[in-house]
Amino acid sequence: MAAGATFTTNLCGCMEDCGGCIYALCCPVCATAKNKADVDGRDCTCCDCLFAHCFLEYFIRQQIRSKYGFEQAPCADCLVVAFCTPCTICQDAREIQAQEAKKAAPAMAAPGQAAMYR
């Protein structure tokens, strides 16, 4: 990522994923636990849910920034986690999905290259 890169979705873009928004509003602990497991690249377990709390979302956000090369913003992250927790959880989940999809997508073939393999 380029210097100054940041999240690809808006903090208030919850309507991009209505199911995720409802999940974060109704069960923020479970949604936070899933984000932690996803950013770590593993399955979510019951222990994740038992130990998830609002402070964990701040550290997940910092981990997302480090993992994907985003600009660090600890003060801003602290504020959004404190005052917009459900939106933060949703944004983090969307970002993890978007970044993992980028990694999974095959590289685009150059024009004319596909014809060589037919």
PDB file of N, CA and C in Angstrom:
ATOM      1  N   MET A   1       0.832  -1.183   0.000  1.00  0.00           N
ATOM      2  CA  MET A   1       0.000   0.000   0.000  1.00  0.00           C
ATOM      3  C   MET A   1       0.876   1.245   0.000  1.00  0.00           C
ATOM      4  N   ALA A   2       0.363   2.268  -0.592  1.00  0.00           N
ATOM      5  CA  ALA A   2       1.069   3.544  -0.636  1.00  0.00           C
ATOM      6  C   ALA A   2       1.005   4.227   0.724  1.00  0.00           C
ATOM      7  N   ALA A   3       1.964   5.099   0.962  1.00  0.00           N
ATOM      8  CA  ALA A   3       1.956   5.851   2.216  1.00  0.00           C
ATOM      9  C   ALA A   3       0.658   6.647   2.318  1.00  0.00           C
ATOM     10  N   GLY A   4       0.081   6.676   3.485  1.00  0.00           N
ATOM     11  CA  GLY A   4      -1.164   7.403   3.681  1.00  0.00           C
ATOM     12  C   GLY A   4      -2.398   6.592   3.321  1.00  0.00           C
ATOM     13  N   ALA A   5      -2.219   5.324   2.928  1.00  0.00           N
ATOM     14  CA  ALA A   5      -3.366   4.487   2.584  1.00  0.00           C
ATOM     15  C   ALA A   5      -4.218   4.268   3.831  1.00  0.00           C
ATOM     16  N   THR A   6      -5.510   4.122   3.616  1.00  0.00           N
ATOM     17  CA  THR A   6      -6.425   3.923   4.736  1.00  0.00           C
ATOM     18  C   THR A   6      -7.558   2.995   4.309  1.00  0.00           C
ATOM     19  N   PHE A   7      -8.544   2.853   5.143  1.00  0.00           N
ATOM     20  CA  PHE A   7      -9.644   1.924   4.899  1.00  0.00           C
ATOM     21  C   PHE A   7     -10.325   2.222   3.565  1.00  0.00           C
ATOM     22  N   THR A   8     -10.756   1.154   2.896  1.00  0.00           N
ATOM     23  CA  THR A   8     -11.378   1.312   1.582  1.00  0.00           C
ATOM     24  C   THR A   8     -12.874   1.574   1.671  1.00  0.00           C
ATOM     25  N   THR A   9     -13.466   1.362   2.851  1.00  0.00           N
ATOM     26  CA  THR A   9     -14.889   1.638   3.024  1.00  0.00           C
ATOM     27  C   THR A   9     -15.066   2.717   4.087  1.00  0.00           C
ATOM     28  N   ASN A  10     -16.164   3.412   4.013  1.00  0.00           N
ATOM     29  CA  ASN A  10     -16.472   4.515   4.915  1.00  0.00           C
ATOM     30  C   ASN A  10     -16.922   3.982   6.272  1.00  0.00           C
ATOM     31  N   LEU A  11     -16.591   4.691   7.340  1.00  0.00           N
ATOM     32  CA  LEU A  11     -17.010   4.292   8.683  1.00  0.00           C
ATOM     33  C   LEU A  11     -18.527   4.170   8.773  1.00  0.00           C
ATOM     34  N   CYS A  12     -19.237   5.066   8.129  1.00  0.00           N
ATOM     35  CA  CYS A  12     -20.701   5.046   8.168  1.00  0.00           C
ATOM     36  C   CYS A  12     -21.302   4.304   6.977  1.00  0.00           C
ATOM     37  N   GLY A  13     -20.542   3.433   6.376  1.00  0.00           N
ATOM     38  CA  GLY A  13     -21.008   2.676   5.217  1.00  0.00           C
ATOM     39  C   GLY A  13     -21.643   1.353   5.594  1.00  0.00           C
ATOM     40  N   CYS A  14     -22.303   1.319   6.730  1.00  0.00           N
ATOM     41  CA  CYS A  14     -22.897   0.072   7.218  1.00  0.00           C
ATOM     42  C   CYS A  14     -23.911  -0.522   6.250  1.00  0.00           C
ATOM     43  N   MET A  15     -24.565   0.325   5.475  1.00  0.00           N
ATOM     44  CA  MET A  15     -25.590  -0.183   4.571  1.00  0.00           C
ATOM     45  C   MET A  15     -24.999  -0.949   3.380  1.00  0.00           C
ATOM     46  N   GLU A  16     -23.686  -0.924   3.248  1.00  0.00           N
ATOM     47  CA  GLU A  16     -23.034  -1.759   2.240  1.00  0.00           C
ATOM     48  C   GLU A  16     -23.154  -3.231   2.627  1.00  0.00           C
ATOM     49  N   ASP A  17     -23.371  -3.487   3.911  1.00  0.00           N
ATOM     50  CA  ASP A  17     -23.489  -4.841   4.432  1.00  0.00           C
ATOM     51  C   ASP A  17     -24.517  -4.830   5.558  1.00  0.00           C
ATOM     52  N   CYS A  18     -25.789  -4.860   5.191  1.00  0.00           N
ATOM     53  CA  CYS A  18     -26.863  -4.764   6.200  1.00  0.00           C
ATOM     54  C   CYS A  18     -26.813  -5.912   7.199  1.00  0.00           C
ATOM     55  N   GLY A  19     -26.487  -7.104   6.741  1.00  0.00           N
ATOM     56  CA  GLY A  19     -26.396  -8.250   7.646  1.00  0.00           C
ATOM     57  C   GLY A  19     -25.309  -8.053   8.686  1.00  0.00           C
ATOM     58  N   GLY A  20     -24.169  -7.558   8.247  1.00  0.00           N
ATOM     59  CA  GLY A  20     -23.068  -7.285   9.165  1.00  0.00           C
ATOM     60  C   GLY A  20     -23.412  -6.185  10.143  1.00  0.00           C
ATOM     61  N   CYS A  21     -24.171  -5.207   9.682  1.00  0.00           N
ATOM     62  CA  CYS A  21     -24.597  -4.096  10.538  1.00  0.00           C
ATOM     63  C   CYS A  21     -25.516  -4.600  11.644  1.00  0.00           C
ATOM     64  N   ILE A  22     -26.478  -5.409  11.282  1.00  0.00           N
ATOM     65  CA  ILE A  22     -27.411  -5.966  12.270  1.00  0.00           C
ATOM     66  C   ILE A  22     -26.658  -6.850  13.260  1.00  0.00           C
ATOM     67  N   TYR A  23     -25.720  -7.650  12.743  1.00  0.00           N
ATOM     68  CA  TYR A  23     -24.900  -8.527  13.591  1.00  0.00           C
ATOM     69  C   TYR A  23     -24.108  -7.702  14.608  1.00  0.00           C
ATOM     70  N   ALA A  24     -23.479  -6.618  14.161  1.00  0.00           N
ATOM     71  CA  ALA A  24     -22.679  -5.769  15.050  1.00  0.00           C
ATOM     72  C   ALA A  24     -23.547  -5.044  16.078  1.00  0.00           C
ATOM     73  N   LEU A  25     -24.757  -4.683  15.698  1.00  0.00           N
ATOM     74  CA  LEU A  25     -25.665  -4.008  16.640  1.00  0.00           C
ATOM     75  C   LEU A  25     -26.232  -4.966  17.678  1.00  0.00           C
ATOM     76  N   CYS A  26     -26.601  -6.171  17.233  1.00  0.00           N
ATOM     77  CA  CYS A  26     -27.250  -7.130  18.131  1.00  0.00           C
ATOM     78  C   CYS A  26     -26.269  -7.944  18.963  1.00  0.00           C
ATOM     79  N   CYS A  27     -25.093  -8.207  18.418  1.00  0.00           N
ATOM     80  CA  CYS A  27     -24.131  -9.032  19.136  1.00  0.00           C
ATOM     81  C   CYS A  27     -22.710  -8.521  18.878  1.00  0.00           C
ATOM     82  N   PRO A  28     -22.396  -7.333  19.403  1.00  0.00           N
ATOM     83  CA  PRO A  28     -21.075  -6.753  19.130  1.00  0.00           C
ATOM     84  C   PRO A  28     -19.916  -7.599  19.641  1.00  0.00           C
ATOM     85  N   VAL A  29     -20.115  -8.342  20.715  1.00  0.00           N
ATOM     86  CA  VAL A  29     -19.041  -9.180  21.247  1.00  0.00           C
ATOM     87  C   VAL A  29     -18.682 -10.280  20.248  1.00  0.00           C
ATOM     88  N   CYS A  30     -19.689 -10.937  19.698  1.00  0.00           N
ATOM     89  CA  CYS A  30     -19.446 -11.998  18.711  1.00  0.00           C
ATOM     90  C   CYS A  30     -18.845 -11.433  17.429  1.00  0.00           C
ATOM     91  N   ALA A  31     -19.330 -10.284  17.000  1.00  0.00           N
ATOM     92  CA  ALA A  31     -18.797  -9.662  15.785  1.00  0.00           C
ATOM     93  C   ALA A  31     -17.331  -9.259  15.972  1.00  0.00           C
ATOM     94  N   THR A  32     -17.001  -8.736  17.154  1.00  0.00           N
ATOM     95  CA  THR A  32     -15.617  -8.386  17.460  1.00  0.00           C
ATOM     96  C   THR A  32     -14.742  -9.628  17.479  1.00  0.00           C
ATOM     97  N   ALA A  33     -15.231 -10.690  18.076  1.00  0.00           N
ATOM     98  CA  ALA A  33     -14.475 -11.946  18.128  1.00  0.00           C
ATOM     99  C   ALA A  33     -14.217 -12.484  16.725  1.00  0.00           C
ATOM    100  N   LYS A  34     -15.213 -12.386  15.856  1.00  0.00           N
ATOM    101  CA  LYS A  34     -15.040 -12.855  14.477  1.00  0.00           C
ATOM    102  C   LYS A  34     -14.009 -11.998  13.745  1.00  0.00           C
ATOM    103  N   ASN A  35     -14.051 -10.681  13.936  1.00  0.00           N
ATOM    104  CA  ASN A  35     -13.056  -9.807  13.311  1.00  0.00           C
ATOM    105  C   ASN A  35     -11.648 -10.188  13.746  1.00  0.00           C
ATOM    106  N   LYS A  36     -11.477 -10.457  15.052  1.00  0.00           N
ATOM    107  CA  LYS A  36     -10.156 -10.822  15.567  1.00  0.00           C
ATOM    108  C   LYS A  36      -9.667 -12.111  14.924  1.00  0.00           C
ATOM    109  N   ALA A  37     -10.525 -13.103  14.873  1.00  0.00           N
ATOM    110  CA  ALA A  37     -10.142 -14.377  14.261  1.00  0.00           C
ATOM    111  C   ALA A  37      -9.830 -14.197  12.773  1.00  0.00           C
ATOM    112  N   ASP A  38     -10.642 -13.406  12.082  1.00  0.00           N
ATOM    113  CA  ASP A  38     -10.427 -13.187  10.644  1.00  0.00           C
ATOM    114  C   ASP A  38      -9.120 -12.461  10.366  1.00  0.00           C
ATOM    115  N   VAL A  39      -8.811 -11.436  11.145  1.00  0.00           N
ATOM    116  CA  VAL A  39      -7.577 -10.686  10.903  1.00  0.00           C
ATOM    117  C   VAL A  39      -6.360 -11.546  11.267  1.00  0.00           C
ATOM    118  N   ASP A  40      -6.539 -12.496  12.185  1.00  0.00           N
ATOM    119  CA  ASP A  40      -5.464 -13.427  12.527  1.00  0.00           C
ATOM    120  C   ASP A  40      -5.365 -14.575  11.529  1.00  0.00           C
ATOM    121  N   GLY A  41      -6.381 -14.712  10.669  1.00  0.00           N
ATOM    122  CA  GLY A  41      -6.374 -15.776   9.666  1.00  0.00           C
ATOM    123  C   GLY A  41      -6.696 -17.142  10.245  1.00  0.00           C
ATOM    124  N   ARG A  42      -7.633 -17.196  11.173  1.00  0.00           N
ATOM    125  CA  ARG A  42      -8.008 -18.463  11.808  1.00  0.00           C
ATOM    126  C   ARG A  42      -9.515 -18.500  12.039  1.00  0.00           C
ATOM    127  N   ASP A  43     -10.012 -19.659  12.483  1.00  0.00           N
ATOM    128  CA  ASP A  43     -11.433 -19.805  12.798  1.00  0.00           C
ATOM    129  C   ASP A  43     -11.752 -19.144  14.138  1.00  0.00           C
ATOM    130  N   CYS A  44     -12.955 -18.654  14.254  1.00  0.00           N
ATOM    131  CA  CYS A  44     -13.435 -18.050  15.500  1.00  0.00           C
ATOM    132  C   CYS A  44     -13.865 -19.166  16.452  1.00  0.00           C
ATOM    133  N   THR A  45     -13.495 -19.040  17.710  1.00  0.00           N
ATOM    134  CA  THR A  45     -13.846 -20.054  18.713  1.00  0.00           C
ATOM    135  C   THR A  45     -14.672 -19.421  19.834  1.00  0.00           C
ATOM    136  N   CYS A  46     -15.210 -20.270  20.697  1.00  0.00           N
ATOM    137  CA  CYS A  46     -15.959 -19.775  21.856  1.00  0.00           C
ATOM    138  C   CYS A  46     -15.080 -18.907  22.748  1.00  0.00           C
ATOM    139  N   CYS A  47     -13.804 -19.253  22.860  1.00  0.00           N
ATOM    140  CA  CYS A  47     -12.888 -18.461  23.694  1.00  0.00           C
ATOM    141  C   CYS A  47     -12.765 -17.038  23.158  1.00  0.00           C
ATOM    142  N   ASP A  48     -12.804 -16.887  21.832  1.00  0.00           N
ATOM    143  CA  ASP A  48     -12.751 -15.542  21.252  1.00  0.00           C
ATOM    144  C   ASP A  48     -13.926 -14.707  21.764  1.00  0.00           C
ATOM    145  N   CYS A  49     -15.098 -15.319  21.794  1.00  0.00           N
ATOM    146  CA  CYS A  49     -16.291 -14.599  22.255  1.00  0.00           C
ATOM    147  C   CYS A  49     -16.221 -14.293  23.746  1.00  0.00           C
ATOM    148  N   LEU A  50     -15.664 -15.204  24.519  1.00  0.00           N
ATOM    149  CA  LEU A  50     -15.568 -14.989  25.960  1.00  0.00           C
ATOM    150  C   LEU A  50     -14.631 -13.839  26.313  1.00  0.00           C
ATOM    151  N   PHE A  51     -13.601 -13.656  25.508  1.00  0.00           N
ATOM    152  CA  PHE A  51     -12.595 -12.642  25.841  1.00  0.00           C
ATOM    153  C   PHE A  51     -12.687 -11.381  24.989  1.00  0.00           C
ATOM    154  N   ALA A  52     -13.697 -11.283  24.157  1.00  0.00           N
ATOM    155  CA  ALA A  52     -13.877 -10.084  23.333  1.00  0.00           C
ATOM    156  C   ALA A  52     -14.521  -8.981  24.164  1.00  0.00           C
ATOM    157  N   HIS A  53     -14.049  -7.784  23.987  1.00  0.00           N
ATOM    158  CA  HIS A  53     -14.611  -6.619  24.657  1.00  0.00           C
ATOM    159  C   HIS A  53     -14.330  -5.404  23.791  1.00  0.00           C
ATOM    160  N   CYS A  54     -14.879  -4.273  24.145  1.00  0.00           N
ATOM    161  CA  CYS A  54     -14.764  -3.092  23.282  1.00  0.00           C
ATOM    162  C   CYS A  54     -13.318  -2.653  23.095  1.00  0.00           C
ATOM    163  N   PHE A  55     -12.459  -2.875  24.090  1.00  0.00           N
ATOM    164  CA  PHE A  55     -11.065  -2.478  23.931  1.00  0.00           C
ATOM    165  C   PHE A  55     -10.362  -3.324  22.876  1.00  0.00           C
ATOM    166  N   LEU A  56     -10.820  -4.561  22.727  1.00  0.00           N
ATOM    167  CA  LEU A  56     -10.220  -5.451  21.735  1.00  0.00           C
ATOM    168  C   LEU A  56     -10.379  -4.880  20.333  1.00  0.00           C
ATOM    169  N   GLU A  57     -11.505  -4.246  20.056  1.00  0.00           N
ATOM    170  CA  GLU A  57     -11.741  -3.690  18.715  1.00  0.00           C
ATOM    171  C   GLU A  57     -10.686  -2.644  18.364  1.00  0.00           C
ATOM    172  N   TYR A  58     -10.234  -1.880  19.342  1.00  0.00           N
ATOM    173  CA  TYR A  58      -9.162  -0.910  19.097  1.00  0.00           C
ATOM    174  C   TYR A  58      -7.900  -1.624  18.617  1.00  0.00           C
ATOM    175  N   PHE A  59      -7.548  -2.710  19.273  1.00  0.00           N
ATOM    176  CA  PHE A  59      -6.333  -3.442  18.899  1.00  0.00           C
ATOM    177  C   PHE A  59      -6.500  -4.160  17.559  1.00  0.00           C
ATOM    178  N   ILE A  60      -7.708  -4.617  17.273  1.00  0.00           N
ATOM    179  CA  ILE A  60      -7.987  -5.215  15.961  1.00  0.00           C
ATOM    180  C   ILE A  60      -7.759  -4.166  14.883  1.00  0.00           C
ATOM    181  N   ARG A  61      -8.252  -2.969  15.121  1.00  0.00           N
ATOM    182  CA  ARG A  61      -8.111  -1.872  14.157  1.00  0.00           C
ATOM    183  C   ARG A  61      -6.637  -1.541  13.917  1.00  0.00           C
ATOM    184  N   GLN A  62      -5.854  -1.525  14.986  1.00  0.00           N
ATOM    185  CA  GLN A  62      -4.420  -1.280  14.848  1.00  0.00           C
ATOM    186  C   GLN A  62      -3.752  -2.411  14.065  1.00  0.00           C
ATOM    187  N   GLN A  63      -4.193  -3.633  14.309  1.00  0.00           N
ATOM    188  CA  GLN A  63      -3.643  -4.788  13.602  1.00  0.00           C
ATOM    189  C   GLN A  63      -3.997  -4.732  12.117  1.00  0.00           C
ATOM    190  N   ILE A  64      -5.208  -4.310  11.798  1.00  0.00           N
ATOM    191  CA  ILE A  64      -5.616  -4.155  10.398  1.00  0.00           C
ATOM    192  C   ILE A  64      -4.721  -3.123   9.720  1.00  0.00           C
ATOM    193  N   ARG A  65      -4.515  -2.003  10.381  1.00  0.00           N
ATOM    194  CA  ARG A  65      -3.669  -0.948   9.807  1.00  0.00           C
ATOM    195  C   ARG A  65      -2.255  -1.463   9.539  1.00  0.00           C
ATOM    196  N   SER A  66      -1.692  -2.214  10.472  1.00  0.00           N
ATOM    197  CA  SER A  66      -0.339  -2.748  10.295  1.00  0.00           C
ATOM    198  C   SER A  66      -0.297  -3.816   9.212  1.00  0.00           C
ATOM    199  N   LYS A  67      -1.243  -4.734   9.256  1.00  0.00           N
ATOM    200  CA  LYS A  67      -1.250  -5.863   8.322  1.00  0.00           C
ATOM    201  C   LYS A  67      -1.403  -5.416   6.879  1.00  0.00           C
ATOM    202  N   TYR A  68      -2.234  -4.409   6.632  1.00  0.00           N
ATOM    203  CA  TYR A  68      -2.510  -3.994   5.268  1.00  0.00           C
ATOM    204  C   TYR A  68      -1.771  -2.720   4.868  1.00  0.00           C
ATOM    205  N   GLY A  69      -0.862  -2.249   5.711  1.00  0.00           N
ATOM    206  CA  GLY A  69      -0.022  -1.108   5.374  1.00  0.00           C
ATOM    207  C   GLY A  69      -0.736   0.229   5.386  1.00  0.00           C
ATOM    208  N   PHE A  70      -1.747   0.357   6.222  1.00  0.00           N
ATOM    209  CA  PHE A  70      -2.490   1.611   6.316  1.00  0.00           C
ATOM    210  C   PHE A  70      -1.767   2.582   7.235  1.00  0.00           C
ATOM    211  N   GLU A  71      -2.052   3.843   7.041  1.00  0.00           N
ATOM    212  CA  GLU A  71      -1.515   4.896   7.896  1.00  0.00           C
ATOM    213  C   GLU A  71      -1.998   4.673   9.332  1.00  0.00           C
ATOM    214  N   GLN A  72      -1.102   4.796  10.283  1.00  0.00           N
ATOM    215  CA  GLN A  72      -1.465   4.634  11.693  1.00  0.00           C
ATOM    216  C   GLN A  72      -2.207   5.876  12.195  1.00  0.00           C
ATOM    217  N   ALA A  73      -3.277   5.658  12.945  1.00  0.00           N
ATOM    218  CA  ALA A  73      -4.075   6.756  13.500  1.00  0.00           C
ATOM    219  C   ALA A  73      -4.632   6.331  14.854  1.00  0.00           C
ATOM    220  N   PRO A  74      -3.767   6.168  15.857  1.00  0.00           N
ATOM    221  CA  PRO A  74      -4.237   5.648  17.144  1.00  0.00           C
ATOM    222  C   PRO A  74      -5.284   6.508  17.839  1.00  0.00           C
ATOM    223  N   CYS A  75      -5.157   7.811  17.763  1.00  0.00           N
ATOM    224  CA  CYS A  75      -6.145   8.685  18.424  1.00  0.00           C
ATOM    225  C   CYS A  75      -7.505   8.583  17.744  1.00  0.00           C
ATOM    226  N   ALA A  76      -7.504   8.631  16.424  1.00  0.00           N
ATOM    227  CA  ALA A  76      -8.763   8.509  15.676  1.00  0.00           C
ATOM    228  C   ALA A  76      -9.406   7.154  15.933  1.00  0.00           C
ATOM    229  N   ASP A  77      -8.599   6.089  15.957  1.00  0.00           N
ATOM    230  CA  ASP A  77      -9.139   4.755  16.210  1.00  0.00           C
ATOM    231  C   ASP A  77      -9.742   4.670  17.610  1.00  0.00           C
ATOM    232  N   CYS A  78      -9.093   5.269  18.570  1.00  0.00           N
ATOM    233  CA  CYS A  78      -9.614   5.277  19.938  1.00  0.00           C
ATOM    234  C   CYS A  78     -10.981   5.964  19.986  1.00  0.00           C
ATOM    235  N   LEU A  79     -11.100   7.076  19.309  1.00  0.00           N
ATOM    236  CA  LEU A  79     -12.365   7.823  19.302  1.00  0.00           C
ATOM    237  C   LEU A  79     -13.483   7.064  18.600  1.00  0.00           C
ATOM    238  N   VAL A  80     -13.202   6.496  17.422  1.00  0.00           N
ATOM    239  CA  VAL A  80     -14.278   5.794  16.714  1.00  0.00           C
ATOM    240  C   VAL A  80     -14.703   4.533  17.452  1.00  0.00           C
ATOM    241  N   VAL A  81     -13.757   3.849  18.087  1.00  0.00           N
ATOM    242  CA  VAL A  81     -14.131   2.666  18.863  1.00  0.00           C
ATOM    243  C   VAL A  81     -14.964   3.071  20.076  1.00  0.00           C
ATOM    244  N   ALA A  82     -14.602   4.169  20.711  1.00  0.00           N
ATOM    245  CA  ALA A  82     -15.329   4.611  21.905  1.00  0.00           C
ATOM    246  C   ALA A  82     -16.730   5.120  21.597  1.00  0.00           C
ATOM    247  N   PHE A  83     -16.891   5.832  20.483  1.00  0.00           N
ATOM    248  CA  PHE A  83     -18.170   6.496  20.222  1.00  0.00           C
ATOM    249  C   PHE A  83     -18.986   5.908  19.079  1.00  0.00           C
ATOM    250  N   CYS A  84     -18.378   5.063  18.257  1.00  0.00           N
ATOM    251  CA  CYS A  84     -19.089   4.459  17.113  1.00  0.00           C
ATOM    252  C   CYS A  84     -18.742   2.978  17.004  1.00  0.00           C
ATOM    253  N   THR A  85     -18.818   2.271  18.110  1.00  0.00           N
ATOM    254  CA  THR A  85     -18.363   0.878  18.134  1.00  0.00           C
ATOM    255  C   THR A  85     -19.021   0.000  17.069  1.00  0.00           C
ATOM    256  N   PRO A  86     -20.355  -0.015  16.933  1.00  0.00           N
ATOM    257  CA  PRO A  86     -20.946  -0.886  15.909  1.00  0.00           C
ATOM    258  C   PRO A  86     -20.467  -0.541  14.487  1.00  0.00           C
ATOM    259  N   CYS A  87     -20.356   0.752  14.193  1.00  0.00           N
ATOM    260  CA  CYS A  87     -19.881   1.156  12.865  1.00  0.00           C
ATOM    261  C   CYS A  87     -18.432   0.736  12.655  1.00  0.00           C
ATOM    262  N   THR A  88     -17.634   0.831  13.709  1.00  0.00           N
ATOM    263  CA  THR A  88     -16.231   0.429  13.632  1.00  0.00           C
ATOM    264  C   THR A  88     -16.122  -1.064  13.380  1.00  0.00           C
ATOM    265  N   ILE A  89     -16.905  -1.847  14.088  1.00  0.00           N
ATOM    266  CA  ILE A  89     -16.897  -3.298  13.910  1.00  0.00           C
ATOM    267  C   ILE A  89     -17.259  -3.650  12.469  1.00  0.00           C
ATOM    268  N   CYS A  90     -18.300  -3.005  11.945  1.00  0.00           N
ATOM    269  CA  CYS A  90     -18.732  -3.258  10.561  1.00  0.00           C
ATOM    270  C   CYS A  90     -17.652  -2.864   9.563  1.00  0.00           C
ATOM    271  N   GLN A  91     -17.066  -1.693   9.750  1.00  0.00           N
ATOM    272  CA  GLN A  91     -16.037  -1.233   8.826  1.00  0.00           C
ATOM    273  C   GLN A  91     -14.843  -2.185   8.845  1.00  0.00           C
ATOM    274  N   ASP A  92     -14.444  -2.621  10.019  1.00  0.00           N
ATOM    275  CA  ASP A  92     -13.318  -3.541  10.115  1.00  0.00           C
ATOM    276  C   ASP A  92     -13.626  -4.860   9.406  1.00  0.00           C
ATOM    277  N   ALA A  93     -14.829  -5.384   9.599  1.00  0.00           N
ATOM    278  CA  ALA A  93     -15.216  -6.634   8.944  1.00  0.00           C
ATOM    279  C   ALA A  93     -15.207  -6.475   7.420  1.00  0.00           C
ATOM    280  N   ARG A  94     -15.756  -5.359   6.924  1.00  0.00           N
ATOM    281  CA  ARG A  94     -15.759  -5.119   5.473  1.00  0.00           C
ATOM    282  C   ARG A  94     -14.340  -4.986   4.940  1.00  0.00           C
ATOM    283  N   GLU A  95     -13.482  -4.331   5.698  1.00  0.00           N
ATOM    284  CA  GLU A  95     -12.098  -4.138   5.258  1.00  0.00           C
ATOM    285  C   GLU A  95     -11.343  -5.457   5.197  1.00  0.00           C
ATOM    286  N   ILE A  96     -11.520  -6.287   6.204  1.00  0.00           N
ATOM    287  CA  ILE A  96     -10.864  -7.600   6.202  1.00  0.00           C
ATOM    288  C   ILE A  96     -11.321  -8.399   4.993  1.00  0.00           C
ATOM    289  N   GLN A  97     -12.638  -8.390   4.724  1.00  0.00           N
ATOM    290  CA  GLN A  97     -13.167  -9.116   3.560  1.00  0.00           C
ATOM    291  C   GLN A  97     -12.600  -8.562   2.260  1.00  0.00           C
ATOM    292  N   ALA A  98     -12.554  -7.248   2.140  1.00  0.00           N
ATOM    293  CA  ALA A  98     -12.048  -6.621   0.910  1.00  0.00           C
ATOM    294  C   ALA A  98     -10.576  -6.942   0.691  1.00  0.00           C
ATOM    295  N   GLN A  99      -9.787  -6.873   1.744  1.00  0.00           N
ATOM    296  CA  GLN A  99      -8.350  -7.136   1.610  1.00  0.00           C
ATOM    297  C   GLN A  99      -8.078  -8.607   1.310  1.00  0.00           C
ATOM    298  N   GLU A 100      -8.823  -9.497   1.932  1.00  0.00           N
ATOM    299  CA  GLU A 100      -8.648 -10.926   1.662  1.00  0.00           C
ATOM    300  C   GLU A 100      -9.103 -11.267   0.244  1.00  0.00           C
ATOM    301  N   ALA A 101     -10.145 -10.593  -0.236  1.00  0.00           N
ATOM    302  CA  ALA A 101     -10.603 -10.812  -1.616  1.00  0.00           C
ATOM    303  C   ALA A 101      -9.544 -10.358  -2.615  1.00  0.00           C
ATOM    304  N   LYS A 102      -8.859  -9.247  -2.303  1.00  0.00           N
ATOM    305  CA  LYS A 102      -7.788  -8.770  -3.181  1.00  0.00           C
ATOM    306  C   LYS A 102      -6.665  -9.795  -3.269  1.00  0.00           C
ATOM    307  N   LYS A 103      -6.320 -10.385  -2.126  1.00  0.00           N
ATOM    308  CA  LYS A 103      -5.248 -11.376  -2.111  1.00  0.00           C
ATOM    309  C   LYS A 103      -5.648 -12.646  -2.853  1.00  0.00           C
ATOM    310  N   ALA A 104      -6.928 -13.001  -2.792  1.00  0.00           N
ATOM    311  CA  ALA A 104      -7.406 -14.238  -3.406  1.00  0.00           C
ATOM    312  C   ALA A 104      -7.645 -14.101  -4.899  1.00  0.00           C
ATOM    313  N   ALA A 105      -7.891 -12.877  -5.368  1.00  0.00           N
ATOM    314  CA  ALA A 105      -8.185 -12.671  -6.793  1.00  0.00           C
ATOM    315  C   ALA A 105      -6.936 -12.944  -7.625  1.00  0.00           C
ATOM    316  N   PRO A 106      -7.094 -13.699  -8.703  1.00  0.00           N
ATOM    317  CA  PRO A 106      -5.933 -13.955  -9.565  1.00  0.00           C
ATOM    318  C   PRO A 106      -5.506 -12.670 -10.266  1.00  0.00           C
ATOM    319  N   ALA A 107      -4.246 -12.583 -10.558  1.00  0.00           N
ATOM    320  CA  ALA A 107      -3.725 -11.408 -11.260  1.00  0.00           C
ATOM    321  C   ALA A 107      -4.383 -11.320 -12.634  1.00  0.00           C
ATOM    322  N   MET A 108      -4.689 -10.108 -13.024  1.00  0.00           N
ATOM    323  CA  MET A 108      -5.317  -9.896 -14.322  1.00  0.00           C
ATOM    324  C   MET A 108      -4.297 -10.152 -15.425  1.00  0.00           C
ATOM    325  N   ALA A 109      -4.699 -10.902 -16.420  1.00  0.00           N
ATOM    326  CA  ALA A 109      -3.810 -11.187 -17.548  1.00  0.00           C
ATOM    327  C   ALA A 109      -3.722  -9.959 -18.441  1.00  0.00           C
ATOM    328  N   ALA A 110      -2.581  -9.771 -19.040  1.00  0.00           N
ATOM    329  CA  ALA A 110      -2.393  -8.649 -19.960  1.00  0.00           C
ATOM    330  C   ALA A 110      -3.246  -8.883 -21.204  1.00  0.00           C
ATOM    331  N   PRO A 111      -3.704  -7.799 -21.872  1.00  0.00           N
ATOM    332  CA  PRO A 111      -4.515  -7.967 -23.085  1.00  0.00           C
ATOM    333  C   PRO A 111      -3.760  -8.816 -24.104  1.00  0.00           C
ATOM    334  N   GLY A 112      -4.477  -9.756 -24.699  1.00  0.00           N
ATOM    335  CA  GLY A 112      -3.887 -10.611 -25.712  1.00  0.00           C
ATOM    336  C   GLY A 112      -3.238 -11.859 -25.111  1.00  0.00           C
ATOM    337  N   GLN A 113      -2.939 -11.836 -23.849  1.00  0.00           N
ATOM    338  CA  GLN A 113      -2.288 -12.961 -23.205  1.00  0.00           C
ATOM    339  C   GLN A 113      -3.261 -14.137 -23.069  1.00  0.00           C
ATOM    340  N   ALA A 114      -4.531 -13.852 -22.837  1.00  0.00           N
ATOM    341  CA  ALA A 114      -5.528 -14.913 -22.686  1.00  0.00           C
ATOM    342  C   ALA A 114      -5.667 -15.702 -23.985  1.00  0.00           C
ATOM    343  N   ALA A 115      -5.516 -15.047 -25.112  1.00  0.00           N
ATOM    344  CA  ALA A 115      -5.644 -15.732 -26.395  1.00  0.00           C
ATOM    345  C   ALA A 115      -4.549 -16.766 -26.591  1.00  0.00           C
ATOM    346  N   MET A 116      -3.403 -16.567 -25.986  1.00  0.00           N
ATOM    347  CA  MET A 116      -2.302 -17.505 -26.137  1.00  0.00           C
ATOM    348  C   MET A 116      -2.609 -18.848 -25.487  1.00  0.00           C
ATOM    349  N   TYR A 117      -3.495 -18.866 -24.500  1.00  0.00           N
ATOM    350  CA  TYR A 117      -3.780 -20.080 -23.769  1.00  0.00           C
ATOM    351  C   TYR A 117      -5.054 -20.780 -24.207  1.00  0.00           C
ATOM    352  N   ARG A 118      -5.651 -20.337 -25.282  1.00  0.00           N
ATOM    353  CA  ARG A 118      -6.892 -20.981 -25.757  1.00  0.00           C
ATOM    354  C   ARG A 118      -6.594 -22.176 -26.592  1.00  0.00           C
TER     355      ARG A 118
END
